[in-house]
């Protein structure tokens, strides 16, 4: 019994201190992309354009400010945020195209953009920043060998491999602020 207890004491701290996984980051990105069909349906139902440059500028500035809170270099996160927005728009355009020919898709009720989707995306943005920062602070980097796993874990429908590559390339360029390096 004493041996079991001592073994647990040794193993528990190691699991608590275990380095964060790139898998967590990849899954958060996929979860974020999973909301884009709802965004497309909401925008279609409310006759809103998919591309809203004013909103994108706001999202980009808030994203940069949010990333700085996690000691991420906000300039290095800009391309990543833009890649996520580009992928999101690609999903929305492709989904909307399918909605034109498949009325059963168009009849699905979207989750409310302002009350459900945006708050969820904001929460995911914080989690994503925290996960990326934790991963980088542990001394790890995102590298090309991880792209196969990234492609496998990013399962959002309507997202093409070229979209995934753009996101992954931008993710690889994210850096910590020089103070924390």
N, C-alpha and C. Protein backbone atom coordinates (compact mmCIF):
# COMPACT_ATOMS: atom_id res chain seq x y z
N UNK A 1 0.82 -1.19 0.00
CA UNK A 1 0.00 0.00 0.00
C UNK A 1 0.87 1.27 0.00
N UNK A 2 1.92 1.22 0.84
CA UNK A 2 2.83 2.35 0.93
C UNK A 2 3.54 2.59 -0.41
N UNK A 3 3.90 1.51 -1.08
CA UNK A 3 4.57 1.61 -2.38
C UNK A 3 3.65 2.23 -3.41
N UNK A 4 2.39 1.83 -3.39
CA UNK A 4 1.40 2.39 -4.32
C UNK A 4 1.25 3.89 -4.09
N UNK A 5 1.16 4.30 -2.85
CA UNK A 5 1.01 5.71 -2.52
C UNK A 5 2.23 6.51 -2.99
N UNK A 6 3.42 6.00 -2.74
CA UNK A 6 4.64 6.68 -3.17
C UNK A 6 4.72 6.75 -4.69
N UNK A 7 4.29 5.69 -5.36
CA UNK A 7 4.27 5.69 -6.83
C UNK A 7 3.35 6.77 -7.35
N UNK A 8 2.19 6.91 -6.73
CA UNK A 8 1.25 7.95 -7.15
C UNK A 8 1.83 9.34 -6.94
N UNK A 9 2.52 9.54 -5.85
CA UNK A 9 3.15 10.84 -5.59
C UNK A 9 4.18 11.19 -6.65
N UNK A 10 4.88 10.20 -7.13
CA UNK A 10 5.89 10.43 -8.15
C UNK A 10 5.24 10.68 -9.51
N UNK A 11 4.21 9.92 -9.84
CA UNK A 11 3.58 10.01 -11.15
C UNK A 11 2.69 11.25 -11.28
N UNK A 12 1.94 11.60 -10.26
CA UNK A 12 1.03 12.74 -10.34
C UNK A 12 1.72 14.05 -10.69
N UNK A 13 2.77 14.43 -10.01
CA UNK A 13 3.42 15.69 -10.38
C UNK A 13 3.92 15.70 -11.82
N UNK A 14 4.40 14.55 -12.30
CA UNK A 14 4.88 14.49 -13.67
C UNK A 14 3.75 14.74 -14.65
N UNK A 15 2.57 14.20 -14.37
CA UNK A 15 1.46 14.41 -15.29
C UNK A 15 0.96 15.84 -15.23
N UNK A 16 1.05 16.44 -14.06
CA UNK A 16 0.63 17.83 -13.93
C UNK A 16 1.61 18.75 -14.68
N UNK A 17 2.89 18.40 -14.61
CA UNK A 17 3.91 19.22 -15.25
C UNK A 17 4.17 18.83 -16.70
N UNK A 18 3.44 17.87 -17.20
CA UNK A 18 3.66 17.41 -18.57
C UNK A 18 3.51 18.56 -19.55
N UNK A 19 4.38 18.56 -20.54
CA UNK A 19 4.35 19.61 -21.56
C UNK A 19 3.04 19.57 -22.31
N UNK A 20 2.51 20.73 -22.66
CA UNK A 20 1.27 20.77 -23.44
C UNK A 20 1.49 20.11 -24.80
N UNK A 21 0.42 19.65 -25.36
CA UNK A 21 0.49 18.93 -26.62
C UNK A 21 0.03 19.79 -27.78
N UNK A 22 0.67 19.61 -28.94
CA UNK A 22 0.21 20.28 -30.16
C UNK A 22 -1.20 19.82 -30.53
N UNK A 23 -1.54 18.60 -30.12
CA UNK A 23 -2.86 18.05 -30.42
C UNK A 23 -3.96 18.94 -29.84
N UNK A 24 -3.75 19.47 -28.66
CA UNK A 24 -4.72 20.37 -28.04
C UNK A 24 -4.96 21.59 -28.92
N UNK A 25 -3.89 22.17 -29.40
CA UNK A 25 -3.98 23.34 -30.28
C UNK A 25 -4.74 22.99 -31.55
N UNK A 26 -4.40 21.86 -32.16
CA UNK A 26 -5.04 21.45 -33.40
C UNK A 26 -6.55 21.22 -33.20
N UNK A 27 -6.89 20.60 -32.08
CA UNK A 27 -8.32 20.34 -31.80
C UNK A 27 -9.10 21.63 -31.58
N UNK A 28 -8.47 22.61 -30.95
CA UNK A 28 -9.13 23.91 -30.75
C UNK A 28 -9.37 24.61 -32.09
N UNK A 29 -8.41 24.52 -32.98
CA UNK A 29 -8.58 25.10 -34.31
C UNK A 29 -9.74 24.42 -35.02
N UNK A 30 -9.80 23.11 -34.93
CA UNK A 30 -10.89 22.36 -35.57
C UNK A 30 -12.24 22.74 -34.97
N UNK A 31 -12.27 22.87 -33.65
CA UNK A 31 -13.52 23.27 -32.98
C UNK A 31 -13.98 24.64 -33.47
N UNK A 32 -13.03 25.55 -33.63
CA UNK A 32 -13.36 26.88 -34.13
C UNK A 32 -13.96 26.80 -35.54
N UNK A 33 -13.34 26.00 -36.39
CA UNK A 33 -13.85 25.85 -37.76
C UNK A 33 -15.22 25.18 -37.79
N UNK A 34 -15.52 24.40 -36.77
CA UNK A 34 -16.80 23.72 -36.68
C UNK A 34 -17.99 24.65 -36.54
N UNK A 35 -17.77 25.88 -36.16
CA UNK A 35 -18.85 26.86 -36.03
C UNK A 35 -19.20 27.55 -37.35
N UNK A 36 -18.38 27.39 -38.36
CA UNK A 36 -18.53 28.20 -39.57
C UNK A 36 -19.77 27.87 -40.40
N UNK A 37 -20.26 26.65 -40.34
CA UNK A 37 -21.50 26.35 -41.05
C UNK A 37 -22.67 27.08 -40.40
N UNK A 38 -22.66 27.18 -39.07
CA UNK A 38 -23.68 27.97 -38.38
C UNK A 38 -23.60 29.43 -38.78
N UNK A 39 -22.38 29.94 -38.87
CA UNK A 39 -22.19 31.33 -39.28
C UNK A 39 -22.77 31.54 -40.68
N UNK A 40 -22.47 30.61 -41.57
CA UNK A 40 -22.98 30.72 -42.95
C UNK A 40 -24.51 30.68 -42.98
N UNK A 41 -25.11 29.77 -42.22
CA UNK A 41 -26.58 29.68 -42.19
C UNK A 41 -27.19 30.96 -41.60
N UNK A 42 -26.59 31.45 -40.52
CA UNK A 42 -27.09 32.68 -39.89
C UNK A 42 -27.03 33.84 -40.87
N UNK A 43 -25.89 33.98 -41.53
CA UNK A 43 -25.73 35.09 -42.48
C UNK A 43 -26.69 34.95 -43.65
N UNK A 44 -26.91 33.74 -44.12
CA UNK A 44 -27.86 33.53 -45.22
C UNK A 44 -29.27 33.89 -44.78
N UNK A 45 -29.64 33.43 -43.61
CA UNK A 45 -31.00 33.68 -43.09
C UNK A 45 -31.24 35.17 -42.88
N UNK A 46 -30.22 35.90 -42.50
CA UNK A 46 -30.35 37.33 -42.21
C UNK A 46 -29.85 38.21 -43.35
N UNK A 47 -29.60 37.60 -44.50
CA UNK A 47 -29.16 38.31 -45.71
C UNK A 47 -27.92 39.17 -45.45
N UNK A 48 -26.95 38.56 -44.78
CA UNK A 48 -25.69 39.23 -44.48
C UNK A 48 -24.59 38.68 -45.39
N UNK A 49 -23.69 39.54 -45.76
CA UNK A 49 -22.56 39.12 -46.59
C UNK A 49 -21.60 38.25 -45.77
N UNK A 50 -20.96 37.33 -46.43
CA UNK A 50 -19.96 36.50 -45.75
C UNK A 50 -18.76 37.35 -45.38
N UNK A 51 -18.32 38.16 -46.30
CA UNK A 51 -17.16 39.01 -46.04
C UNK A 51 -17.61 40.34 -45.45
N UNK A 52 -17.10 40.64 -44.26
CA UNK A 52 -17.40 41.89 -43.57
C UNK A 52 -16.06 42.46 -43.10
N UNK A 53 -15.47 43.30 -43.94
CA UNK A 53 -14.12 43.79 -43.67
C UNK A 53 -14.03 44.62 -42.39
N UNK A 54 -15.09 45.35 -42.06
CA UNK A 54 -15.08 46.12 -40.81
C UNK A 54 -15.03 45.18 -39.61
N UNK A 55 -15.84 44.14 -39.63
CA UNK A 55 -15.86 43.16 -38.54
C UNK A 55 -14.52 42.43 -38.46
N UNK A 56 -13.96 42.09 -39.61
CA UNK A 56 -12.66 41.40 -39.64
C UNK A 56 -11.57 42.27 -39.01
N UNK A 57 -11.59 43.56 -39.27
CA UNK A 57 -10.60 44.47 -38.68
C UNK A 57 -10.73 44.48 -37.15
N UNK A 58 -11.97 44.49 -36.66
CA UNK A 58 -12.22 44.45 -35.22
C UNK A 58 -11.69 43.14 -34.63
N UNK A 59 -12.03 42.03 -35.29
CA UNK A 59 -11.59 40.71 -34.82
C UNK A 59 -10.06 40.64 -34.79
N UNK A 60 -9.42 41.17 -35.82
CA UNK A 60 -7.96 41.13 -35.88
C UNK A 60 -7.33 41.93 -34.74
N UNK A 61 -7.84 43.11 -34.51
CA UNK A 61 -7.29 43.95 -33.42
C UNK A 61 -7.52 43.30 -32.06
N UNK A 62 -8.71 42.76 -31.84
CA UNK A 62 -9.00 42.09 -30.56
C UNK A 62 -8.14 40.84 -30.40
N UNK A 63 -7.91 40.15 -31.49
CA UNK A 63 -7.08 38.95 -31.45
C UNK A 63 -5.64 39.30 -31.09
N UNK A 64 -5.12 40.35 -31.71
CA UNK A 64 -3.76 40.77 -31.41
C UNK A 64 -3.63 41.19 -29.94
N UNK A 65 -4.60 41.94 -29.45
CA UNK A 65 -4.58 42.36 -28.04
C UNK A 65 -4.70 41.14 -27.12
N UNK A 66 -5.55 40.21 -27.49
CA UNK A 66 -5.72 39.00 -26.68
C UNK A 66 -4.47 38.15 -26.65
N UNK A 67 -3.80 38.03 -27.78
CA UNK A 67 -2.59 37.20 -27.83
C UNK A 67 -1.48 37.82 -26.98
N UNK A 68 -1.42 39.13 -26.93
CA UNK A 68 -0.40 39.80 -26.13
C UNK A 68 -0.57 39.48 -24.64
N UNK A 69 -1.80 39.26 -24.20
CA UNK A 69 -2.06 38.91 -22.80
C UNK A 69 -1.43 37.57 -22.42
N UNK A 70 -1.18 36.74 -23.42
CA UNK A 70 -0.58 35.43 -23.17
C UNK A 70 0.91 35.40 -23.52
N UNK A 71 1.50 36.58 -23.65
CA UNK A 71 2.92 36.73 -23.98
C UNK A 71 3.25 36.21 -25.37
N UNK A 72 2.26 36.26 -26.26
CA UNK A 72 2.51 35.94 -27.66
C UNK A 72 2.79 37.23 -28.40
N UNK A 73 3.76 37.22 -29.26
CA UNK A 73 4.08 38.39 -30.06
C UNK A 73 2.88 38.66 -30.98
N UNK A 74 2.22 39.77 -30.76
CA UNK A 74 0.98 40.05 -31.49
C UNK A 74 1.20 40.22 -32.99
N UNK A 75 2.38 40.70 -33.39
CA UNK A 75 2.65 40.79 -34.83
C UNK A 75 2.75 39.40 -35.45
N UNK A 76 3.30 38.45 -34.70
CA UNK A 76 3.44 37.09 -35.24
C UNK A 76 2.11 36.33 -35.25
N UNK A 77 1.14 36.80 -34.48
CA UNK A 77 -0.17 36.13 -34.48
C UNK A 77 -1.10 36.68 -35.56
N UNK A 78 -0.73 37.81 -36.14
CA UNK A 78 -1.60 38.44 -37.13
C UNK A 78 -1.86 37.52 -38.34
N UNK A 79 -0.82 36.94 -38.91
CA UNK A 79 -0.98 36.06 -40.07
C UNK A 79 -1.82 34.84 -39.70
N UNK A 80 -1.67 34.35 -38.48
CA UNK A 80 -2.45 33.20 -38.01
C UNK A 80 -3.94 33.56 -37.95
N UNK A 81 -4.23 34.71 -37.38
CA UNK A 81 -5.63 35.15 -37.29
C UNK A 81 -6.21 35.36 -38.68
N UNK A 82 -5.46 35.97 -39.56
CA UNK A 82 -5.93 36.18 -40.93
C UNK A 82 -6.17 34.83 -41.62
N UNK A 83 -5.30 33.86 -41.38
CA UNK A 83 -5.49 32.53 -42.00
C UNK A 83 -6.75 31.86 -41.47
N UNK A 84 -7.04 32.03 -40.18
CA UNK A 84 -8.27 31.47 -39.61
C UNK A 84 -9.50 32.15 -40.21
N UNK A 85 -9.44 33.47 -40.37
CA UNK A 85 -10.57 34.19 -40.96
C UNK A 85 -10.76 33.80 -42.43
N UNK A 86 -9.66 33.64 -43.15
CA UNK A 86 -9.76 33.23 -44.56
C UNK A 86 -10.36 31.84 -44.68
N UNK A 87 -9.92 30.93 -43.83
CA UNK A 87 -10.46 29.57 -43.84
C UNK A 87 -11.94 29.58 -43.46
N UNK A 88 -12.28 30.42 -42.49
CA UNK A 88 -13.69 30.53 -42.08
C UNK A 88 -14.56 31.01 -43.23
N UNK A 89 -14.07 32.00 -43.95
CA UNK A 89 -14.84 32.50 -45.11
C UNK A 89 -14.93 31.45 -46.20
N UNK A 90 -13.86 30.71 -46.41
CA UNK A 90 -13.88 29.66 -47.43
C UNK A 90 -14.95 28.61 -47.10
N UNK A 91 -14.99 28.21 -45.83
CA UNK A 91 -16.02 27.25 -45.41
C UNK A 91 -17.41 27.83 -45.66
N UNK A 92 -17.59 29.09 -45.27
CA UNK A 92 -18.90 29.72 -45.43
C UNK A 92 -19.32 29.81 -46.90
N UNK A 93 -18.41 30.21 -47.77
CA UNK A 93 -18.73 30.31 -49.20
C UNK A 93 -19.08 28.93 -49.77
N UNK A 94 -18.28 27.94 -49.44
CA UNK A 94 -18.52 26.59 -49.97
C UNK A 94 -19.83 26.01 -49.44
N UNK A 95 -20.09 26.26 -48.18
CA UNK A 95 -21.34 25.77 -47.58
C UNK A 95 -22.54 26.48 -48.20
N UNK A 96 -22.42 27.79 -48.35
CA UNK A 96 -23.52 28.55 -48.97
C UNK A 96 -23.78 28.08 -50.39
N UNK A 97 -22.76 27.70 -51.11
CA UNK A 97 -22.94 27.17 -52.46
C UNK A 97 -23.74 25.87 -52.40
N UNK A 98 -23.43 25.01 -51.45
CA UNK A 98 -24.21 23.78 -51.29
C UNK A 98 -25.64 24.06 -50.88
N UNK A 99 -25.84 25.12 -50.11
CA UNK A 99 -27.19 25.48 -49.68
C UNK A 99 -28.10 25.82 -50.87
N UNK A 100 -27.50 26.33 -51.94
CA UNK A 100 -28.28 26.69 -53.12
C UNK A 100 -28.89 25.46 -53.80
N UNK A 101 -28.21 24.34 -53.72
CA UNK A 101 -28.70 23.15 -54.41
C UNK A 101 -29.30 22.10 -53.47
N UNK A 102 -29.13 22.27 -52.18
CA UNK A 102 -29.67 21.31 -51.22
C UNK A 102 -30.53 22.06 -50.20
N UNK A 103 -31.81 22.08 -50.44
CA UNK A 103 -32.72 22.84 -49.59
C UNK A 103 -32.79 22.31 -48.16
N UNK A 104 -32.46 21.04 -47.97
CA UNK A 104 -32.48 20.51 -46.60
C UNK A 104 -31.40 21.16 -45.75
N UNK A 105 -30.28 21.52 -46.37
CA UNK A 105 -29.22 22.23 -45.64
C UNK A 105 -29.71 23.62 -45.27
N UNK A 106 -30.32 24.29 -46.21
CA UNK A 106 -30.77 25.67 -46.00
C UNK A 106 -31.84 25.75 -44.92
N UNK A 107 -32.60 24.68 -44.71
CA UNK A 107 -33.67 24.73 -43.73
C UNK A 107 -33.20 24.50 -42.30
N UNK A 108 -31.94 24.08 -42.12
CA UNK A 108 -31.41 23.90 -40.77
C UNK A 108 -31.33 25.24 -40.06
N UNK A 109 -31.77 25.27 -38.81
CA UNK A 109 -31.74 26.51 -38.03
C UNK A 109 -30.35 26.72 -37.46
N UNK A 110 -29.74 27.85 -37.74
CA UNK A 110 -28.40 28.10 -37.20
C UNK A 110 -28.44 28.50 -35.74
N UNK A 111 -27.34 28.25 -35.05
CA UNK A 111 -27.20 28.79 -33.69
C UNK A 111 -27.06 30.30 -33.83
N UNK A 112 -27.58 31.02 -32.86
CA UNK A 112 -27.57 32.48 -32.91
C UNK A 112 -26.14 33.01 -32.92
N UNK A 113 -25.85 33.84 -33.92
CA UNK A 113 -24.50 34.36 -34.11
C UNK A 113 -24.05 35.21 -32.92
N UNK A 114 -24.91 36.10 -32.46
CA UNK A 114 -24.51 37.04 -31.41
C UNK A 114 -24.56 36.44 -30.01
N UNK A 115 -25.52 35.55 -29.76
CA UNK A 115 -25.70 35.01 -28.41
C UNK A 115 -24.94 33.71 -28.17
N UNK A 116 -24.69 32.95 -29.22
CA UNK A 116 -24.07 31.63 -29.04
C UNK A 116 -22.71 31.54 -29.74
N UNK A 117 -22.69 31.80 -31.04
CA UNK A 117 -21.49 31.54 -31.82
C UNK A 117 -20.35 32.49 -31.48
N UNK A 118 -20.59 33.79 -31.51
CA UNK A 118 -19.49 34.73 -31.22
C UNK A 118 -18.93 34.54 -29.82
N UNK A 119 -19.79 34.39 -28.78
CA UNK A 119 -19.21 34.14 -27.45
C UNK A 119 -18.36 32.86 -27.41
N UNK A 120 -18.82 31.82 -28.12
CA UNK A 120 -18.05 30.58 -28.16
C UNK A 120 -16.72 30.79 -28.88
N UNK A 121 -16.73 31.57 -29.97
CA UNK A 121 -15.50 31.84 -30.71
C UNK A 121 -14.53 32.68 -29.88
N UNK A 122 -15.05 33.61 -29.12
CA UNK A 122 -14.21 34.43 -28.25
C UNK A 122 -13.55 33.56 -27.18
N UNK A 123 -14.35 32.67 -26.58
CA UNK A 123 -13.83 31.74 -25.57
C UNK A 123 -12.76 30.84 -26.19
N UNK A 124 -13.04 30.31 -27.37
CA UNK A 124 -12.07 29.46 -28.06
C UNK A 124 -10.80 30.23 -28.40
N UNK A 125 -10.94 31.50 -28.74
CA UNK A 125 -9.76 32.33 -29.04
C UNK A 125 -8.84 32.42 -27.84
N UNK A 126 -9.41 32.63 -26.67
CA UNK A 126 -8.61 32.67 -25.44
C UNK A 126 -7.95 31.33 -25.15
N UNK A 127 -8.71 30.25 -25.32
CA UNK A 127 -8.16 28.92 -25.09
C UNK A 127 -7.04 28.60 -26.09
N UNK A 128 -7.25 29.02 -27.31
CA UNK A 128 -6.24 28.79 -28.35
C UNK A 128 -4.96 29.57 -28.04
N UNK A 129 -5.10 30.84 -27.67
CA UNK A 129 -3.93 31.64 -27.28
C UNK A 129 -3.20 31.01 -26.10
N UNK A 130 -3.96 30.60 -25.10
CA UNK A 130 -3.36 30.00 -23.90
C UNK A 130 -2.62 28.71 -24.25
N UNK A 131 -3.22 27.89 -25.10
CA UNK A 131 -2.60 26.62 -25.48
C UNK A 131 -1.34 26.83 -26.31
N UNK A 132 -1.41 27.76 -27.26
CA UNK A 132 -0.23 28.05 -28.08
C UNK A 132 0.89 28.60 -27.21
N UNK A 133 0.55 29.53 -26.33
CA UNK A 133 1.56 30.13 -25.45
C UNK A 133 2.18 29.08 -24.55
N UNK A 134 1.37 28.25 -23.96
CA UNK A 134 1.87 27.20 -23.07
C UNK A 134 2.80 26.25 -23.82
N UNK A 135 2.39 25.89 -25.02
CA UNK A 135 3.19 24.99 -25.85
C UNK A 135 4.55 25.61 -26.17
N UNK A 136 4.54 26.87 -26.59
CA UNK A 136 5.80 27.54 -26.93
C UNK A 136 6.66 27.80 -25.69
N UNK A 137 6.03 28.14 -24.57
CA UNK A 137 6.78 28.40 -23.34
C UNK A 137 7.46 27.15 -22.82
N UNK A 138 6.92 25.99 -23.19
CA UNK A 138 7.55 24.73 -22.76
C UNK A 138 8.77 24.40 -23.61
N UNK A 139 9.10 25.28 -24.56
CA UNK A 139 10.29 25.08 -25.38
C UNK A 139 10.03 24.34 -26.68
N UNK A 140 8.79 24.02 -26.94
CA UNK A 140 8.45 23.30 -28.17
C UNK A 140 8.13 24.29 -29.28
N UNK A 141 8.17 23.79 -30.50
CA UNK A 141 7.77 24.58 -31.66
C UNK A 141 6.87 23.73 -32.55
N UNK A 142 6.11 24.40 -33.37
CA UNK A 142 5.30 23.70 -34.37
C UNK A 142 6.21 23.47 -35.57
N UNK A 143 6.27 22.21 -36.02
CA UNK A 143 7.19 21.89 -37.11
C UNK A 143 6.50 21.10 -38.21
N UNK A 144 7.14 21.05 -39.34
CA UNK A 144 6.52 20.44 -40.53
C UNK A 144 6.18 18.97 -40.34
N UNK A 145 6.86 18.29 -39.45
CA UNK A 145 6.54 16.88 -39.20
C UNK A 145 5.15 16.72 -38.57
N UNK A 146 4.63 17.76 -37.98
CA UNK A 146 3.32 17.70 -37.32
C UNK A 146 2.17 17.95 -38.29
N UNK A 147 2.47 18.34 -39.53
CA UNK A 147 1.41 18.69 -40.46
C UNK A 147 0.48 17.51 -40.76
N UNK A 148 1.01 16.30 -40.82
CA UNK A 148 0.16 15.12 -41.08
C UNK A 148 -0.88 14.97 -39.97
N UNK A 149 -0.45 15.14 -38.73
CA UNK A 149 -1.40 15.07 -37.61
C UNK A 149 -2.41 16.21 -37.70
N UNK A 150 -1.93 17.40 -38.04
CA UNK A 150 -2.80 18.56 -38.19
C UNK A 150 -3.89 18.27 -39.22
N UNK A 151 -3.48 17.76 -40.39
CA UNK A 151 -4.45 17.45 -41.46
C UNK A 151 -5.48 16.43 -40.98
N UNK A 152 -5.05 15.48 -40.21
CA UNK A 152 -5.94 14.43 -39.72
C UNK A 152 -6.94 14.99 -38.70
N UNK A 153 -6.48 15.87 -37.82
CA UNK A 153 -7.33 16.39 -36.75
C UNK A 153 -8.24 17.54 -37.20
N UNK A 154 -7.90 18.20 -38.27
CA UNK A 154 -8.74 19.28 -38.77
C UNK A 154 -9.74 18.65 -39.74
N UNK A 155 -10.93 18.40 -39.22
CA UNK A 155 -11.93 17.63 -39.96
C UNK A 155 -13.12 18.46 -40.42
N UNK A 156 -13.06 19.76 -40.21
CA UNK A 156 -14.19 20.62 -40.58
C UNK A 156 -14.51 20.44 -42.07
N UNK A 157 -15.77 20.15 -42.33
CA UNK A 157 -16.20 19.98 -43.71
C UNK A 157 -16.01 21.31 -44.46
N UNK A 158 -15.72 21.22 -45.72
CA UNK A 158 -15.53 22.36 -46.61
C UNK A 158 -14.16 23.03 -46.46
N UNK A 159 -13.32 22.49 -45.61
CA UNK A 159 -11.98 23.04 -45.45
C UNK A 159 -11.03 22.20 -46.30
N UNK A 160 -10.40 22.81 -47.27
CA UNK A 160 -9.50 22.11 -48.18
C UNK A 160 -8.09 22.02 -47.60
N UNK A 161 -7.29 21.12 -48.16
CA UNK A 161 -5.92 20.97 -47.69
C UNK A 161 -5.12 22.26 -47.85
N UNK A 162 -5.40 23.03 -48.90
CA UNK A 162 -4.68 24.30 -49.07
C UNK A 162 -5.02 25.27 -47.94
N UNK A 163 -6.26 25.24 -47.46
CA UNK A 163 -6.64 26.07 -46.31
C UNK A 163 -5.89 25.62 -45.06
N UNK A 164 -5.84 24.31 -44.88
CA UNK A 164 -5.14 23.76 -43.71
C UNK A 164 -3.66 24.13 -43.74
N UNK A 165 -3.06 24.07 -44.92
CA UNK A 165 -1.64 24.40 -45.06
C UNK A 165 -1.38 25.86 -44.69
N UNK A 166 -2.28 26.74 -45.14
CA UNK A 166 -2.14 28.16 -44.81
C UNK A 166 -2.21 28.40 -43.30
N UNK A 167 -3.16 27.76 -42.64
CA UNK A 167 -3.29 27.90 -41.19
C UNK A 167 -2.05 27.36 -40.50
N UNK A 168 -1.62 26.17 -40.91
CA UNK A 168 -0.47 25.54 -40.27
C UNK A 168 0.80 26.37 -40.46
N UNK A 169 1.02 26.88 -41.65
CA UNK A 169 2.20 27.72 -41.91
C UNK A 169 2.19 28.95 -41.02
N UNK A 170 1.03 29.56 -40.85
CA UNK A 170 0.93 30.74 -39.99
C UNK A 170 1.15 30.36 -38.52
N UNK A 171 0.64 29.20 -38.12
CA UNK A 171 0.82 28.72 -36.75
C UNK A 171 2.30 28.54 -36.43
N UNK A 172 3.05 28.04 -37.40
CA UNK A 172 4.49 27.83 -37.21
C UNK A 172 5.25 29.13 -36.97
N UNK A 173 4.71 30.23 -37.40
CA UNK A 173 5.41 31.51 -37.31
C UNK A 173 5.12 32.26 -36.01
N UNK A 174 4.21 31.75 -35.20
CA UNK A 174 3.87 32.44 -33.95
C UNK A 174 5.04 32.33 -32.98
N UNK A 175 5.35 33.47 -32.37
CA UNK A 175 6.47 33.55 -31.44
C UNK A 175 5.99 34.13 -30.11
N UNK A 176 6.75 33.87 -29.08
CA UNK A 176 6.53 34.51 -27.79
C UNK A 176 7.11 35.91 -27.84
N UNK A 177 6.64 36.79 -26.95
CA UNK A 177 7.25 38.11 -26.88
C UNK A 177 8.69 37.92 -26.40
N UNK A 178 9.54 38.82 -26.77
CA UNK A 178 10.98 38.67 -26.48
C UNK A 178 11.25 38.66 -24.99
N UNK A 179 10.36 39.23 -24.18
CA UNK A 179 10.55 39.28 -22.73
C UNK A 179 10.51 37.87 -22.14
N UNK A 180 9.66 36.98 -22.71
CA UNK A 180 9.49 35.65 -22.13
C UNK A 180 10.39 34.61 -22.76
N UNK A 181 11.12 34.97 -23.78
CA UNK A 181 11.94 33.95 -24.47
C UNK A 181 13.24 33.68 -23.76
